[in-house]
Amino acid sequence: MQRINRTSRAAAASAVAASLLLSAACGSAASRASGSSERSDIPSAAAAAAMTSRLPAAPGPADASAPAAPAAALASAPAGRCRTGTLKARVGTTDAGAGQRYAPLVLTNTGSRTCWVYGFVGLIMIDGNGDALRTRTRRESVQPRRVTLRPGAGAHARLHWTVVPSGTESSCPRSARLMIIPPDEVAHLEIPFAAEVCGDGKIDVRPMEPGIKL
């Protein structure tokens, strides 16, 4: 299985984020109409660097002299998209059987305001040495829907992978951690993820759905 060295790890995450942003900007109406599944692979380091250069600059620090918005105004403000900084991620209990693995990826709103998520996450597996493993995220042909999250509420996306070697694989590398890019976001979360993923790093992903799975 292909590995991406540590110096390319940030570029790989940026490339996946750029792919998610481009997908959100262009929409996926054509693929949904045809019922086909979408797949996103980690691009080369050169492509990642090029894509990263087109990402919007990170916002600067807040102006300390600006007056704080009243609490009532914040409470009545319309819900916006959930940003990475207000989300917490975890992978729930893995369901194993016949060489197949299923597990929920849960995102919880840890902020003080209601927000929403819509669509698919981006994923990059990391091995025990801190190197990025080849990760092929295949989007299942399921219609996404907006999921509104009040503070403390969560949504989940079902992950599926196989532990049975295929093709020229004799064994499958084991991941130690998982980088997660929430839908339409650039920044990522990173959590423990000890799993053997065969099929050249393929993980099937469903869009975000309501509810927290154990």
N, C-alpha and C. Protein backbone atom coordinates (compact mmCIF):
# COMPACT_ATOMS: atom_id res chain seq x y z
N MET A 1 0.84 -1.19 0.00
CA MET A 1 0.00 0.00 0.00
C MET A 1 0.87 1.24 0.00
N GLN A 2 0.51 2.22 -0.79
CA GLN A 2 1.27 3.45 -0.89
C GLN A 2 1.20 4.25 0.40
N ARG A 3 2.34 4.82 0.79
CA ARG A 3 2.39 5.70 1.95
C ARG A 3 2.82 7.08 1.50
N ILE A 4 2.37 8.12 2.18
CA ILE A 4 2.77 9.48 1.92
C ILE A 4 3.58 9.94 3.12
N ASN A 5 4.80 10.46 2.90
CA ASN A 5 5.65 10.77 4.04
C ASN A 5 5.10 11.91 4.86
N ARG A 6 5.73 12.13 6.03
CA ARG A 6 5.18 13.07 6.98
C ARG A 6 5.14 14.49 6.44
N THR A 7 6.10 14.85 5.59
CA THR A 7 6.12 16.21 5.06
C THR A 7 4.94 16.45 4.13
N SER A 8 4.35 15.39 3.58
CA SER A 8 3.22 15.54 2.68
C SER A 8 1.88 15.40 3.41
N ARG A 9 1.95 15.14 4.69
CA ARG A 9 0.72 14.88 5.45
C ARG A 9 -0.21 16.09 5.44
N ALA A 10 0.32 17.28 5.70
CA ALA A 10 -0.51 18.48 5.68
C ALA A 10 -1.02 18.76 4.28
N ALA A 11 -0.16 18.53 3.27
CA ALA A 11 -0.59 18.75 1.89
C ALA A 11 -1.70 17.79 1.51
N ALA A 12 -1.62 16.54 1.99
CA ALA A 12 -2.67 15.57 1.69
C ALA A 12 -3.99 16.01 2.30
N ALA A 13 -3.95 16.49 3.55
CA ALA A 13 -5.18 16.96 4.19
C ALA A 13 -5.75 18.16 3.46
N SER A 14 -4.89 19.08 3.03
CA SER A 14 -5.36 20.25 2.30
C SER A 14 -5.97 19.86 0.97
N ALA A 15 -5.36 18.86 0.31
CA ALA A 15 -5.88 18.42 -0.97
C ALA A 15 -7.27 17.80 -0.83
N VAL A 16 -7.45 16.98 0.21
CA VAL A 16 -8.76 16.39 0.44
C VAL A 16 -9.78 17.48 0.77
N ALA A 17 -9.37 18.46 1.57
CA ALA A 17 -10.26 19.57 1.90
C ALA A 17 -10.64 20.35 0.66
N ALA A 18 -9.65 20.59 -0.22
CA ALA A 18 -9.93 21.31 -1.45
C ALA A 18 -10.90 20.53 -2.32
N SER A 19 -10.74 19.20 -2.35
CA SER A 19 -11.65 18.36 -3.12
C SER A 19 -13.07 18.47 -2.59
N LEU A 20 -13.22 18.49 -1.26
CA LEU A 20 -14.55 18.63 -0.66
C LEU A 20 -15.15 19.99 -1.00
N LEU A 21 -14.34 21.05 -0.95
CA LEU A 21 -14.84 22.39 -1.24
C LEU A 21 -15.25 22.51 -2.70
N LEU A 22 -14.44 21.95 -3.60
CA LEU A 22 -14.79 22.00 -5.01
C LEU A 22 -16.06 21.22 -5.29
N SER A 23 -16.20 20.08 -4.61
CA SER A 23 -17.39 19.27 -4.79
C SER A 23 -18.62 20.01 -4.30
N ALA A 24 -18.49 20.72 -3.16
CA ALA A 24 -19.62 21.47 -2.62
C ALA A 24 -19.96 22.65 -3.52
N ALA A 25 -18.94 23.31 -4.09
CA ALA A 25 -19.18 24.48 -4.93
C ALA A 25 -19.85 24.10 -6.23
N CYS A 26 -19.39 23.01 -6.84
CA CYS A 26 -19.93 22.60 -8.13
C CYS A 26 -21.22 21.81 -7.99
N GLY A 27 -21.42 21.19 -6.81
CA GLY A 27 -22.60 20.37 -6.60
C GLY A 27 -22.40 19.00 -7.17
N SER A 28 -23.24 18.06 -6.75
CA SER A 28 -23.14 16.69 -7.25
C SER A 28 -24.47 16.24 -7.82
N ALA A 29 -25.19 17.19 -8.47
CA ALA A 29 -26.50 16.87 -9.01
C ALA A 29 -26.41 15.80 -10.08
N ALA A 30 -25.39 15.88 -10.94
CA ALA A 30 -25.28 14.92 -12.03
C ALA A 30 -25.07 13.52 -11.50
N SER A 31 -24.18 13.37 -10.51
CA SER A 31 -23.91 12.04 -9.98
C SER A 31 -25.10 11.49 -9.22
N ARG A 32 -25.83 12.38 -8.52
CA ARG A 32 -27.00 11.89 -7.80
C ARG A 32 -28.09 11.47 -8.77
N ALA A 33 -28.20 12.19 -9.89
CA ALA A 33 -29.23 11.85 -10.86
C ALA A 33 -28.95 10.50 -11.50
N SER A 34 -27.67 10.19 -11.72
CA SER A 34 -27.32 8.92 -12.34
C SER A 34 -27.24 7.80 -11.34
N GLY A 35 -27.24 8.12 -10.02
CA GLY A 35 -27.18 7.10 -8.98
C GLY A 35 -25.81 6.51 -8.81
N SER A 36 -24.77 7.15 -9.38
CA SER A 36 -23.43 6.62 -9.28
C SER A 36 -22.77 7.05 -7.99
N SER A 37 -21.75 6.29 -7.57
CA SER A 37 -21.00 6.62 -6.36
C SER A 37 -19.80 7.46 -6.75
N GLU A 38 -19.34 8.33 -5.82
CA GLU A 38 -18.17 9.15 -6.05
C GLU A 38 -17.04 8.64 -5.19
N ARG A 39 -15.79 8.81 -5.69
CA ARG A 39 -14.64 8.35 -4.95
C ARG A 39 -13.57 9.43 -4.98
N SER A 40 -12.93 9.67 -3.85
CA SER A 40 -11.85 10.65 -3.81
C SER A 40 -10.60 9.99 -3.26
N ASP A 41 -9.51 10.01 -4.07
CA ASP A 41 -8.23 9.48 -3.63
C ASP A 41 -7.33 10.62 -3.18
N ILE A 42 -6.29 10.31 -2.38
CA ILE A 42 -5.30 11.31 -2.02
C ILE A 42 -4.48 11.62 -3.26
N PRO A 43 -4.42 12.89 -3.71
CA PRO A 43 -3.63 13.22 -4.89
C PRO A 43 -2.14 13.25 -4.57
N SER A 44 -1.36 13.46 -5.63
CA SER A 44 0.09 13.54 -5.43
C SER A 44 0.44 14.77 -4.64
N ALA A 45 1.67 14.79 -4.10
CA ALA A 45 2.10 15.94 -3.30
C ALA A 45 2.10 17.20 -4.13
N ALA A 46 2.50 17.10 -5.44
CA ALA A 46 2.52 18.29 -6.29
C ALA A 46 1.12 18.83 -6.50
N ALA A 47 0.16 17.91 -6.77
CA ALA A 47 -1.22 18.35 -6.95
C ALA A 47 -1.77 18.93 -5.68
N ALA A 48 -1.39 18.32 -4.53
CA ALA A 48 -1.88 18.83 -3.25
C ALA A 48 -1.38 20.24 -3.01
N ALA A 49 -0.11 20.49 -3.35
CA ALA A 49 0.44 21.82 -3.14
C ALA A 49 -0.26 22.84 -4.02
N ALA A 50 -0.56 22.44 -5.28
CA ALA A 50 -1.25 23.36 -6.17
C ALA A 50 -2.65 23.68 -5.68
N MET A 51 -3.34 22.65 -5.19
CA MET A 51 -4.69 22.85 -4.70
C MET A 51 -4.68 23.69 -3.43
N THR A 52 -3.65 23.46 -2.58
CA THR A 52 -3.56 24.21 -1.34
C THR A 52 -3.39 25.69 -1.60
N SER A 53 -2.64 26.03 -2.68
CA SER A 53 -2.39 27.44 -2.97
C SER A 53 -3.66 28.19 -3.34
N ARG A 54 -4.71 27.44 -3.72
CA ARG A 54 -5.96 28.09 -4.09
C ARG A 54 -6.96 28.13 -2.96
N LEU A 55 -6.60 27.58 -1.80
CA LEU A 55 -7.51 27.60 -0.67
C LEU A 55 -7.59 29.01 -0.09
N PRO A 56 -8.74 29.41 0.46
CA PRO A 56 -8.85 30.74 1.06
C PRO A 56 -7.96 30.86 2.28
N ALA A 57 -7.43 32.07 2.50
CA ALA A 57 -6.56 32.30 3.65
C ALA A 57 -7.35 32.16 4.93
N ALA A 58 -6.66 31.66 5.97
CA ALA A 58 -7.33 31.51 7.26
C ALA A 58 -7.63 32.89 7.83
N PRO A 59 -8.78 33.04 8.49
CA PRO A 59 -9.14 34.34 9.04
C PRO A 59 -8.17 34.74 10.14
N GLY A 60 -7.94 36.05 10.27
CA GLY A 60 -7.03 36.55 11.28
C GLY A 60 -7.70 36.58 12.63
N PRO A 61 -6.96 36.94 13.69
CA PRO A 61 -7.54 36.99 15.03
C PRO A 61 -8.62 38.06 15.12
N ALA A 62 -9.58 37.82 15.99
CA ALA A 62 -10.69 38.74 16.15
C ALA A 62 -10.18 40.06 16.73
N ASP A 63 -10.83 41.14 16.34
CA ASP A 63 -10.47 42.46 16.83
C ASP A 63 -10.94 42.59 18.26
N ALA A 64 -9.99 42.69 19.19
CA ALA A 64 -10.35 42.74 20.60
C ALA A 64 -11.13 43.99 20.94
N SER A 65 -11.00 45.06 20.09
CA SER A 65 -11.70 46.30 20.38
C SER A 65 -13.15 46.28 19.93
N ALA A 66 -13.52 45.28 19.11
CA ALA A 66 -14.89 45.21 18.61
C ALA A 66 -15.82 44.80 19.74
N PRO A 67 -17.00 45.41 19.84
CA PRO A 67 -17.93 45.07 20.90
C PRO A 67 -18.49 43.67 20.71
N ALA A 68 -18.71 42.97 21.79
CA ALA A 68 -19.26 41.62 21.73
C ALA A 68 -20.74 41.69 21.38
N ALA A 69 -21.19 40.71 20.58
CA ALA A 69 -22.61 40.68 20.19
C ALA A 69 -23.45 40.28 21.40
N PRO A 70 -24.61 40.90 21.57
CA PRO A 70 -25.49 40.53 22.70
C PRO A 70 -25.87 39.07 22.63
N ALA A 71 -26.05 38.45 23.79
CA ALA A 71 -26.41 37.03 23.84
C ALA A 71 -27.71 36.78 23.12
N ALA A 72 -28.67 37.70 23.24
CA ALA A 72 -29.97 37.52 22.59
C ALA A 72 -29.82 37.49 21.07
N ALA A 73 -28.92 38.35 20.55
CA ALA A 73 -28.71 38.39 19.11
C ALA A 73 -28.08 37.09 18.63
N LEU A 74 -27.14 36.54 19.41
CA LEU A 74 -26.52 35.28 19.04
C LEU A 74 -27.53 34.15 19.04
N ALA A 75 -28.40 34.16 20.02
CA ALA A 75 -29.39 33.08 20.13
C ALA A 75 -30.37 33.10 18.98
N SER A 76 -30.72 34.33 18.50
CA SER A 76 -31.72 34.44 17.45
C SER A 76 -31.12 34.38 16.06
N ALA A 77 -29.77 34.39 15.95
CA ALA A 77 -29.12 34.35 14.64
C ALA A 77 -29.40 33.02 13.96
N PRO A 78 -29.58 33.04 12.63
CA PRO A 78 -29.83 31.78 11.92
C PRO A 78 -28.64 30.85 12.03
N ALA A 79 -28.92 29.55 12.05
CA ALA A 79 -27.85 28.56 12.19
C ALA A 79 -26.97 28.57 10.94
N GLY A 80 -25.68 28.49 11.15
CA GLY A 80 -24.73 28.40 10.04
C GLY A 80 -24.11 27.02 9.99
N ARG A 81 -23.22 26.82 9.03
CA ARG A 81 -22.56 25.53 8.90
C ARG A 81 -21.68 25.26 10.11
N CYS A 82 -21.61 24.03 10.54
CA CYS A 82 -20.74 23.65 11.65
C CYS A 82 -19.29 23.73 11.20
N ARG A 83 -18.48 24.47 11.93
CA ARG A 83 -17.07 24.61 11.62
C ARG A 83 -16.26 23.60 12.41
N THR A 84 -15.10 23.26 11.89
CA THR A 84 -14.27 22.23 12.50
C THR A 84 -13.97 22.52 13.97
N GLY A 85 -13.72 23.78 14.30
CA GLY A 85 -13.36 24.13 15.66
C GLY A 85 -14.44 23.91 16.68
N THR A 86 -15.69 23.75 16.25
CA THR A 86 -16.79 23.51 17.19
C THR A 86 -17.27 22.06 17.14
N LEU A 87 -16.51 21.19 16.49
CA LEU A 87 -16.92 19.79 16.37
C LEU A 87 -15.93 18.87 17.07
N LYS A 88 -16.46 17.79 17.61
CA LYS A 88 -15.64 16.73 18.20
C LYS A 88 -15.98 15.44 17.47
N ALA A 89 -14.97 14.64 17.16
CA ALA A 89 -15.18 13.42 16.38
C ALA A 89 -14.82 12.18 17.18
N ARG A 90 -15.46 11.08 16.85
CA ARG A 90 -15.10 9.78 17.39
C ARG A 90 -15.65 8.71 16.46
N VAL A 91 -15.06 7.53 16.50
CA VAL A 91 -15.58 6.38 15.77
C VAL A 91 -16.23 5.46 16.78
N GLY A 92 -17.49 5.10 16.54
CA GLY A 92 -18.24 4.27 17.48
C GLY A 92 -17.86 2.80 17.39
N THR A 93 -18.68 1.97 17.98
CA THR A 93 -18.43 0.53 18.04
C THR A 93 -18.41 -0.08 16.64
N THR A 94 -17.39 -0.88 16.38
CA THR A 94 -17.25 -1.54 15.07
C THR A 94 -18.05 -2.83 15.05
N ASP A 95 -18.85 -2.99 14.02
CA ASP A 95 -19.64 -4.20 13.81
C ASP A 95 -18.88 -5.09 12.82
N ALA A 96 -18.45 -6.28 13.27
CA ALA A 96 -17.63 -7.16 12.45
C ALA A 96 -18.40 -8.39 12.01
N GLY A 97 -18.12 -8.84 10.78
CA GLY A 97 -18.75 -10.06 10.30
C GLY A 97 -18.32 -10.38 8.88
N ALA A 98 -17.91 -11.63 8.63
CA ALA A 98 -17.56 -12.13 7.29
C ALA A 98 -16.54 -11.25 6.58
N GLY A 99 -15.56 -10.77 7.33
CA GLY A 99 -14.51 -9.97 6.73
C GLY A 99 -14.88 -8.53 6.48
N GLN A 100 -16.09 -8.13 6.84
CA GLN A 100 -16.55 -6.76 6.63
C GLN A 100 -16.59 -6.01 7.97
N ARG A 101 -16.36 -4.72 7.92
CA ARG A 101 -16.40 -3.89 9.12
C ARG A 101 -17.28 -2.67 8.87
N TYR A 102 -18.13 -2.37 9.84
CA TYR A 102 -19.01 -1.19 9.79
C TYR A 102 -18.86 -0.43 11.11
N ALA A 103 -18.77 0.88 11.02
CA ALA A 103 -18.65 1.69 12.24
C ALA A 103 -19.19 3.09 11.95
N PRO A 104 -19.83 3.72 12.95
CA PRO A 104 -20.30 5.09 12.77
C PRO A 104 -19.20 6.10 13.10
N LEU A 105 -19.04 7.08 12.24
CA LEU A 105 -18.18 8.22 12.52
C LEU A 105 -19.09 9.32 13.04
N VAL A 106 -18.91 9.71 14.30
CA VAL A 106 -19.81 10.65 14.96
C VAL A 106 -19.15 12.02 15.08
N LEU A 107 -19.89 13.06 14.69
CA LEU A 107 -19.47 14.45 14.89
C LEU A 107 -20.45 15.10 15.85
N THR A 108 -19.93 15.68 16.93
CA THR A 108 -20.76 16.30 17.96
C THR A 108 -20.49 17.80 18.00
N ASN A 109 -21.57 18.58 18.11
CA ASN A 109 -21.45 20.03 18.20
C ASN A 109 -21.07 20.41 19.63
N THR A 110 -19.85 20.88 19.82
CA THR A 110 -19.38 21.28 21.15
C THR A 110 -19.49 22.79 21.36
N GLY A 111 -20.02 23.50 20.37
CA GLY A 111 -20.14 24.95 20.48
C GLY A 111 -21.37 25.37 21.27
N SER A 112 -21.56 26.66 21.37
CA SER A 112 -22.69 27.21 22.12
C SER A 112 -23.85 27.63 21.21
N ARG A 113 -23.68 27.42 19.90
CA ARG A 113 -24.72 27.82 18.95
C ARG A 113 -25.13 26.64 18.10
N THR A 114 -26.37 26.65 17.64
CA THR A 114 -26.85 25.62 16.72
C THR A 114 -26.18 25.79 15.36
N CYS A 115 -25.81 24.67 14.74
CA CYS A 115 -25.21 24.71 13.41
C CYS A 115 -25.69 23.49 12.63
N TRP A 116 -25.25 23.35 11.39
CA TRP A 116 -25.70 22.22 10.59
C TRP A 116 -24.54 21.63 9.78
N VAL A 117 -24.68 20.34 9.44
CA VAL A 117 -23.72 19.65 8.58
C VAL A 117 -24.50 19.09 7.39
N TYR A 118 -23.80 18.98 6.26
CA TYR A 118 -24.46 18.47 5.05
C TYR A 118 -23.41 17.81 4.16
N GLY A 119 -23.65 16.56 3.82
CA GLY A 119 -22.78 15.90 2.86
C GLY A 119 -21.81 14.91 3.46
N PHE A 120 -20.64 14.81 2.83
CA PHE A 120 -19.67 13.76 3.14
C PHE A 120 -18.41 14.32 3.80
N VAL A 121 -17.81 13.50 4.66
CA VAL A 121 -16.53 13.86 5.27
C VAL A 121 -15.38 13.42 4.37
N GLY A 122 -14.20 14.00 4.60
CA GLY A 122 -12.98 13.52 3.98
C GLY A 122 -12.16 12.76 5.00
N LEU A 123 -11.42 11.74 4.58
CA LEU A 123 -10.69 10.87 5.50
C LEU A 123 -9.26 10.64 5.02
N ILE A 124 -8.33 10.58 5.96
CA ILE A 124 -6.96 10.16 5.69
C ILE A 124 -6.49 9.31 6.87
N MET A 125 -6.08 8.08 6.59
CA MET A 125 -5.57 7.20 7.64
C MET A 125 -4.08 7.49 7.88
N ILE A 126 -3.68 7.38 9.15
CA ILE A 126 -2.29 7.62 9.57
C ILE A 126 -1.77 6.36 10.25
N ASP A 127 -0.55 5.95 9.92
CA ASP A 127 -0.01 4.75 10.56
C ASP A 127 0.69 5.09 11.87
N GLY A 128 1.24 4.07 12.52
CA GLY A 128 1.87 4.27 13.82
C GLY A 128 3.11 5.13 13.80
N ASN A 129 3.71 5.33 12.61
CA ASN A 129 4.88 6.19 12.47
C ASN A 129 4.52 7.63 12.15
N GLY A 130 3.24 7.90 12.03
CA GLY A 130 2.80 9.24 11.70
C GLY A 130 2.73 9.53 10.22
N ASP A 131 2.88 8.50 9.38
CA ASP A 131 2.82 8.69 7.93
C ASP A 131 1.40 8.46 7.43
N ALA A 132 1.03 9.22 6.41
CA ALA A 132 -0.30 9.06 5.81
C ALA A 132 -0.35 7.81 4.95
N LEU A 133 -1.38 7.01 5.15
CA LEU A 133 -1.60 5.81 4.35
C LEU A 133 -2.53 6.15 3.18
N ARG A 134 -2.38 5.44 2.09
CA ARG A 134 -3.29 5.62 0.96
C ARG A 134 -4.72 5.37 1.44
N THR A 135 -5.57 6.35 1.19
CA THR A 135 -6.96 6.26 1.65
C THR A 135 -7.88 6.62 0.48
N ARG A 136 -8.70 5.66 0.08
CA ARG A 136 -9.65 5.90 -1.01
C ARG A 136 -11.05 6.00 -0.40
N THR A 137 -11.58 7.20 -0.34
CA THR A 137 -12.90 7.42 0.24
C THR A 137 -13.95 7.33 -0.86
N ARG A 138 -14.79 6.31 -0.79
CA ARG A 138 -15.82 6.09 -1.80
C ARG A 138 -17.17 6.52 -1.23
N ARG A 139 -17.78 7.51 -1.85
CA ARG A 139 -19.07 8.01 -1.40
C ARG A 139 -20.19 7.09 -1.88
N GLU A 140 -20.98 6.60 -0.96
CA GLU A 140 -22.11 5.77 -1.34
C GLU A 140 -23.20 6.64 -1.98
N SER A 141 -23.95 6.03 -2.90
CA SER A 141 -24.97 6.77 -3.63
C SER A 141 -26.23 6.92 -2.78
N VAL A 142 -26.09 7.73 -1.71
CA VAL A 142 -27.19 8.04 -0.80
C VAL A 142 -27.38 9.55 -0.82
N GLN A 143 -28.61 10.01 -0.97
CA GLN A 143 -28.89 11.43 -1.04
C GLN A 143 -28.56 12.14 0.27
N PRO A 144 -27.65 13.11 0.27
CA PRO A 144 -27.36 13.84 1.51
C PRO A 144 -28.53 14.72 1.93
N ARG A 145 -28.60 15.04 3.20
CA ARG A 145 -29.59 15.98 3.70
C ARG A 145 -28.96 16.79 4.82
N ARG A 146 -29.47 17.99 5.00
CA ARG A 146 -28.93 18.86 6.03
C ARG A 146 -29.35 18.33 7.41
N VAL A 147 -28.38 18.27 8.32
CA VAL A 147 -28.64 17.81 9.68
C VAL A 147 -28.32 18.96 10.64
N THR A 148 -29.33 19.44 11.35
CA THR A 148 -29.16 20.54 12.28
C THR A 148 -28.75 20.01 13.65
N LEU A 149 -27.70 20.61 14.21
CA LEU A 149 -27.16 20.15 15.49
C LEU A 149 -27.26 21.26 16.53
N ARG A 150 -28.07 21.04 17.54
CA ARG A 150 -28.06 21.95 18.68
C ARG A 150 -26.80 21.70 19.50
N PRO A 151 -26.42 22.62 20.37
CA PRO A 151 -25.24 22.37 21.21
C PRO A 151 -25.34 21.05 21.95
N GLY A 152 -24.33 20.23 21.82
CA GLY A 152 -24.30 18.92 22.47
C GLY A 152 -24.87 17.80 21.62
N ALA A 153 -25.55 18.13 20.52
CA ALA A 153 -26.14 17.10 19.65
C ALA A 153 -25.11 16.63 18.63
N GLY A 154 -25.38 15.48 18.02
CA GLY A 154 -24.42 14.92 17.07
C GLY A 154 -25.08 14.30 15.86
N ALA A 155 -24.27 14.04 14.86
CA ALA A 155 -24.69 13.35 13.65
C ALA A 155 -23.64 12.28 13.34
N HIS A 156 -24.00 11.33 12.49
CA HIS A 156 -23.06 10.25 12.20
C HIS A 156 -23.05 9.92 10.70
N ALA A 157 -21.94 9.35 10.28
CA ALA A 157 -21.80 8.83 8.92
C ALA A 157 -21.30 7.40 9.02
N ARG A 158 -21.97 6.48 8.36
CA ARG A 158 -21.55 5.07 8.45
C ARG A 158 -20.32 4.83 7.56
N LEU A 159 -19.31 4.20 8.17
CA LEU A 159 -18.11 3.81 7.44
C LEU A 159 -18.14 2.30 7.20
N HIS A 160 -17.64 1.87 6.06
CA HIS A 160 -17.54 0.44 5.77
C HIS A 160 -16.20 0.15 5.10
N TRP A 161 -15.53 -0.92 5.54
CA TRP A 161 -14.30 -1.36 4.90
C TRP A 161 -14.19 -2.87 5.04
N THR A 162 -13.25 -3.45 4.33
CA THR A 162 -13.04 -4.89 4.40
C THR A 162 -11.66 -5.19 4.95
N VAL A 163 -11.54 -6.34 5.63
CA VAL A 163 -10.25 -6.78 6.17
C VAL A 163 -9.74 -8.00 5.40
N VAL A 164 -10.34 -8.27 4.25
CA VAL A 164 -9.94 -9.40 3.42
C VAL A 164 -9.06 -8.89 2.28
N PRO A 165 -7.80 -9.33 2.21
CA PRO A 165 -6.92 -8.88 1.13
C PRO A 165 -7.51 -9.24 -0.23
N SER A 166 -7.28 -8.36 -1.20
CA SER A 166 -7.79 -8.60 -2.55
C SER A 166 -6.72 -8.23 -3.56
N GLY A 167 -6.88 -8.72 -4.79
CA GLY A 167 -5.92 -8.41 -5.84
C GLY A 167 -4.55 -8.93 -5.50
N THR A 168 -3.56 -8.04 -5.51
CA THR A 168 -2.18 -8.42 -5.23
C THR A 168 -1.83 -8.28 -3.75
N GLU A 169 -2.79 -7.93 -2.91
CA GLU A 169 -2.52 -7.76 -1.49
C GLU A 169 -2.29 -9.10 -0.81
N SER A 170 -1.24 -9.18 -0.01
CA SER A 170 -1.02 -10.36 0.82
C SER A 170 -1.35 -10.06 2.27
N SER A 171 -1.28 -8.79 2.63
CA SER A 171 -1.65 -8.33 3.96
C SER A 171 -2.08 -6.87 3.84
N CYS A 172 -2.69 -6.35 4.89
CA CYS A 172 -3.18 -4.97 4.85
C CYS A 172 -2.57 -4.19 6.01
N PRO A 173 -2.01 -3.01 5.75
CA PRO A 173 -1.39 -2.22 6.82
C PRO A 173 -2.40 -1.78 7.85
N ARG A 174 -1.94 -1.52 9.03
CA ARG A 174 -2.82 -1.13 10.13
C ARG A 174 -2.67 0.36 10.40
N SER A 175 -3.79 1.03 10.48
CA SER A 175 -3.76 2.46 10.81
C SER A 175 -3.77 2.64 12.32
N ALA A 176 -3.32 3.81 12.75
CA ALA A 176 -3.31 4.15 14.17
C ALA A 176 -4.22 5.34 14.47
N ARG A 177 -4.34 6.23 13.49
CA ARG A 177 -5.14 7.43 13.68
C ARG A 177 -5.90 7.75 12.40
N LEU A 178 -6.87 8.64 12.52
CA LEU A 178 -7.70 9.02 11.38
C LEU A 178 -7.87 10.52 11.36
N MET A 179 -7.50 11.14 10.24
CA MET A 179 -7.75 12.56 10.03
C MET A 179 -9.12 12.71 9.36
N ILE A 180 -9.93 13.60 9.91
CA ILE A 180 -11.30 13.78 9.44
C ILE A 180 -11.51 15.25 9.06
N ILE A 181 -11.96 15.48 7.84
CA ILE A 181 -12.29 16.82 7.39
C ILE A 181 -13.81 16.90 7.29
N PRO A 182 -14.47 17.66 8.18
CA PRO A 182 -15.93 17.77 8.14
C PRO A 182 -16.40 18.31 6.79
N PRO A 183 -17.66 18.08 6.43
CA PRO A 183 -18.18 18.53 5.14
C PRO A 183 -17.94 20.03 4.92
N ASP A 184 -17.42 20.36 3.74
CA ASP A 184 -17.21 21.75 3.28
C ASP A 184 -16.17 22.51 4.11
N GLU A 185 -15.39 21.82 4.93
CA GLU A 185 -14.40 22.48 5.77
C GLU A 185 -12.99 22.27 5.22
N VAL A 186 -12.03 23.04 5.73
CA VAL A 186 -10.63 22.92 5.36
C VAL A 186 -9.81 22.32 6.51
N ALA A 187 -10.04 22.81 7.73
CA ALA A 187 -9.33 22.28 8.90
C ALA A 187 -9.81 20.86 9.20
N HIS A 188 -8.95 20.09 9.86
CA HIS A 188 -9.30 18.70 10.14
C HIS A 188 -9.26 18.39 11.63
N LEU A 189 -9.87 17.27 11.98
CA LEU A 189 -9.81 16.68 13.32
C LEU A 189 -8.97 15.41 13.21
N GLU A 190 -8.38 14.97 14.31
CA GLU A 190 -7.59 13.74 14.29
C GLU A 190 -7.91 12.93 15.54
N ILE A 191 -8.23 11.65 15.34
CA ILE A 191 -8.64 10.78 16.44
C ILE A 191 -7.97 9.41 16.30
N PRO A 192 -7.92 8.62 17.37
CA PRO A 192 -7.40 7.26 17.26
C PRO A 192 -8.27 6.42 16.32
N PHE A 193 -7.63 5.55 15.54
CA PHE A 193 -8.37 4.67 14.63
C PHE A 193 -7.48 3.48 14.31
N ALA A 194 -7.59 2.44 15.14
CA ALA A 194 -6.80 1.22 14.95
C ALA A 194 -7.59 0.26 14.10
N ALA A 195 -7.21 0.13 12.83
CA ALA A 195 -7.97 -0.72 11.92
C ALA A 195 -7.08 -1.20 10.79
N GLU A 196 -7.38 -2.40 10.28
CA GLU A 196 -6.73 -2.91 9.08
C GLU A 196 -7.72 -2.72 7.94
N VAL A 197 -7.34 -1.91 6.96
CA VAL A 197 -8.24 -1.60 5.85
C VAL A 197 -7.63 -2.16 4.57
N CYS A 198 -8.30 -3.15 4.00
CA CYS A 198 -7.84 -3.76 2.75
C CYS A 198 -8.49 -3.06 1.55
N GLY A 199 -8.29 -3.65 0.38
CA GLY A 199 -8.85 -3.04 -0.82
C GLY A 199 -8.12 -1.77 -1.21
N ASP A 200 -6.81 -1.74 -0.96
CA ASP A 200 -5.99 -0.57 -1.29
C ASP A 200 -6.49 0.68 -0.58
N GLY A 201 -6.88 0.51 0.69
CA GLY A 201 -7.27 1.66 1.51
C GLY A 201 -8.67 2.20 1.25
N LYS A 202 -9.57 1.38 0.71
CA LYS A 202 -10.90 1.87 0.37
C LYS A 202 -11.83 1.85 1.58
N ILE A 203 -12.45 3.00 1.85
CA ILE A 203 -13.46 3.12 2.90
C ILE A 203 -14.73 3.70 2.27
N ASP A 204 -15.83 2.97 2.36
CA ASP A 204 -17.12 3.46 1.88
C ASP A 204 -17.71 4.38 2.94
N VAL A 205 -18.22 5.52 2.50
CA VAL A 205 -18.75 6.52 3.43
C VAL A 205 -20.15 6.94 3.01
N ARG A 206 -21.04 6.99 3.97
CA ARG A 206 -22.37 7.54 3.75
C ARG A 206 -22.38 9.01 4.17
N PRO A 207 -23.35 9.82 3.67
CA PRO A 207 -23.43 11.21 4.12
C PRO A 207 -23.86 11.29 5.58
N MET A 208 -23.69 12.47 6.16
CA MET A 208 -24.05 12.67 7.55
C MET A 208 -25.56 12.45 7.75
N GLU A 209 -25.90 11.76 8.85
CA GLU A 209 -27.28 11.46 9.21
C GLU A 209 -27.52 11.89 10.66
N PRO A 210 -28.78 12.13 11.04
CA PRO A 210 -29.06 12.56 12.42
C PRO A 210 -28.76 11.46 13.42
N GLY A 211 -28.41 11.86 14.63
CA GLY A 211 -28.27 10.92 15.74
C GLY A 211 -26.85 10.49 16.01
N ILE A 212 -26.59 10.20 17.28
CA ILE A 212 -25.28 9.73 17.73
C ILE A 212 -25.34 8.22 17.91
N LYS A 213 -24.48 7.50 17.22
CA LYS A 213 -24.41 6.05 17.36
C LYS A 213 -23.29 5.68 18.32
N LEU A 214 -23.52 4.64 19.14
CA LEU A 214 -22.51 4.21 20.10
C LEU A 214 -21.38 3.46 19.40
